[in-house]
Amino acid sequence: MLNRFVIAAAAIVLTTPLAMAGPIDTACVRSDRARGNAPLCGCIQQVANQTLSRSDQRRAVLP
């Protein structure tokens, strides 16, 4: 029983960052050029996470 709990908790912790779309990802998915290409937009968001602060990401997607 404890093993199932530990596995479930680990799955939640490991997949939560993947489920949270950042501002770059959201703008990318909505753009005409990406046409909803979620894997491409996710890749762009990962690079943005490594190189830009969250506030810089929000600033980059402002119209």
C-alpha atoms as a PDB file:
ATOM      1  CA  MET A   1       0.000   0.000   0.000  1.00  0.00           C
ATOM      2  CA  LEU A   2       2.791   2.425   0.879  1.00  0.00           C
ATOM      3  CA  ASN A   3       4.565   1.637  -2.393  1.00  0.00           C
ATOM      4  CA  ARG A   4       1.495   2.693  -4.385  1.00  0.00           C
ATOM      5  CA  PHE A   5       1.330   5.952  -2.473  1.00  0.00           C
ATOM      6  CA  VAL A   6       5.021   6.674  -3.066  1.00  0.00           C
ATOM      7  CA  ILE A   7       4.712   5.865  -6.781  1.00  0.00           C
ATOM      8  CA  ALA A   8       1.621   8.062  -7.140  1.00  0.00           C
ATOM      9  CA  ALA A   9       3.279  10.949  -5.325  1.00  0.00           C
ATOM     10  CA  ALA A  10       6.411  10.638  -7.460  1.00  0.00           C
ATOM     11  CA  ALA A  11       4.345  10.609 -10.646  1.00  0.00           C
ATOM     12  CA  ILE A  12       2.557  13.795  -9.616  1.00  0.00           C
ATOM     13  CA  VAL A  13       5.770  15.570  -8.662  1.00  0.00           C
ATOM     14  CA  LEU A  14       7.569  14.550 -11.850  1.00  0.00           C
ATOM     15  CA  THR A  15       4.767  15.404 -14.269  1.00  0.00           C
ATOM     16  CA  THR A  16       3.472  18.650 -12.750  1.00  0.00           C
ATOM     17  CA  PRO A  17       6.104  20.877 -14.424  1.00  0.00           C
ATOM     18  CA  LEU A  18       5.209  19.348 -17.782  1.00  0.00           C
ATOM     19  CA  ALA A  19       1.548  20.160 -17.372  1.00  0.00           C
ATOM     20  CA  MET A  20       2.071  23.806 -16.528  1.00  0.00           C
ATOM     21  CA  ALA A  21       2.176  25.881 -19.686  1.00  0.00           C
ATOM     22  CA  GLY A  22       4.251  29.026 -19.515  1.00  0.00           C
ATOM     23  CA  PRO A  23       3.494  32.313 -21.215  1.00  0.00           C
ATOM     24  CA  ILE A  24       5.685  31.520 -24.223  1.00  0.00           C
ATOM     25  CA  ASP A  25       4.041  28.126 -24.711  1.00  0.00           C
ATOM     26  CA  THR A  26       0.558  29.597 -24.442  1.00  0.00           C
ATOM     27  CA  ALA A  27       1.307  32.344 -26.961  1.00  0.00           C
ATOM     28  CA  CYS A  28       2.973  29.860 -29.306  1.00  0.00           C
ATOM     29  CA  VAL A  29       0.027  27.451 -29.319  1.00  0.00           C
ATOM     30  CA  ARG A  30      -2.351  30.327 -30.060  1.00  0.00           C
ATOM     31  CA  SER A  31      -0.247  31.745 -32.894  1.00  0.00           C
ATOM     32  CA  ASP A  32      -1.089  31.241 -36.557  1.00  0.00           C
ATOM     33  CA  ARG A  33       2.431  30.101 -37.432  1.00  0.00           C
ATOM     34  CA  ALA A  34       2.581  27.248 -34.911  1.00  0.00           C
ATOM     35  CA  ARG A  35      -0.965  26.108 -35.716  1.00  0.00           C
ATOM     36  CA  GLY A  36      -1.247  24.394 -32.339  1.00  0.00           C
ATOM     37  CA  ASN A  37       1.988  22.412 -32.664  1.00  0.00           C
ATOM     38  CA  ALA A  38       2.193  21.572 -28.948  1.00  0.00           C
ATOM     39  CA  PRO A  39       5.523  19.657 -29.033  1.00  0.00           C
ATOM     40  CA  LEU A  40       7.278  22.537 -30.813  1.00  0.00           C
ATOM     41  CA  CYS A  41       5.766  25.107 -28.458  1.00  0.00           C
ATOM     42  CA  GLY A  42       6.734  22.998 -25.451  1.00  0.00           C
ATOM     43  CA  CYS A  43      10.324  22.843 -26.683  1.00  0.00           C
ATOM     44  CA  ILE A  44      10.418  26.618 -27.114  1.00  0.00           C
ATOM     45  CA  GLN A  45       9.004  27.035 -23.591  1.00  0.00           C
ATOM     46  CA  GLN A  46      11.690  24.754 -22.136  1.00  0.00           C
ATOM     47  CA  VAL A  47      14.420  26.881 -23.703  1.00  0.00           C
ATOM     48  CA  ALA A  48      12.692  30.034 -22.450  1.00  0.00           C
ATOM     49  CA  ASN A  49      12.603  28.551 -18.932  1.00  0.00           C
ATOM     50  CA  GLN A  50      16.352  27.979 -19.082  1.00  0.00           C
ATOM     51  CA  THR A  51      17.254  31.420 -20.391  1.00  0.00           C
ATOM     52  CA  LEU A  52      14.559  33.924 -19.345  1.00  0.00           C
ATOM     53  CA  SER A  53      12.993  34.868 -16.047  1.00  0.00           C
ATOM     54  CA  ARG A  54       9.243  34.452 -15.726  1.00  0.00           C
ATOM     55  CA  SER A  55       8.750  38.233 -15.909  1.00  0.00           C
ATOM     56  CA  ASP A  56      10.882  38.425 -19.075  1.00  0.00           C
ATOM     57  CA  GLN A  57       8.755  35.671 -20.594  1.00  0.00           C
ATOM     58  CA  ARG A  58       5.563  37.591 -19.831  1.00  0.00           C
ATOM     59  CA  ARG A  59       7.096  40.755 -21.268  1.00  0.00           C
ATOM     60  CA  ALA A  60       8.042  38.904 -24.472  1.00  0.00           C
ATOM     61  CA  VAL A  61       4.473  37.818 -25.199  1.00  0.00           C
ATOM     62  CA  LEU A  62       2.803  41.178 -24.646  1.00  0.00           C
ATOM     63  CA  PRO A  63       1.227  42.585 -27.820  1.00  0.00           C
END
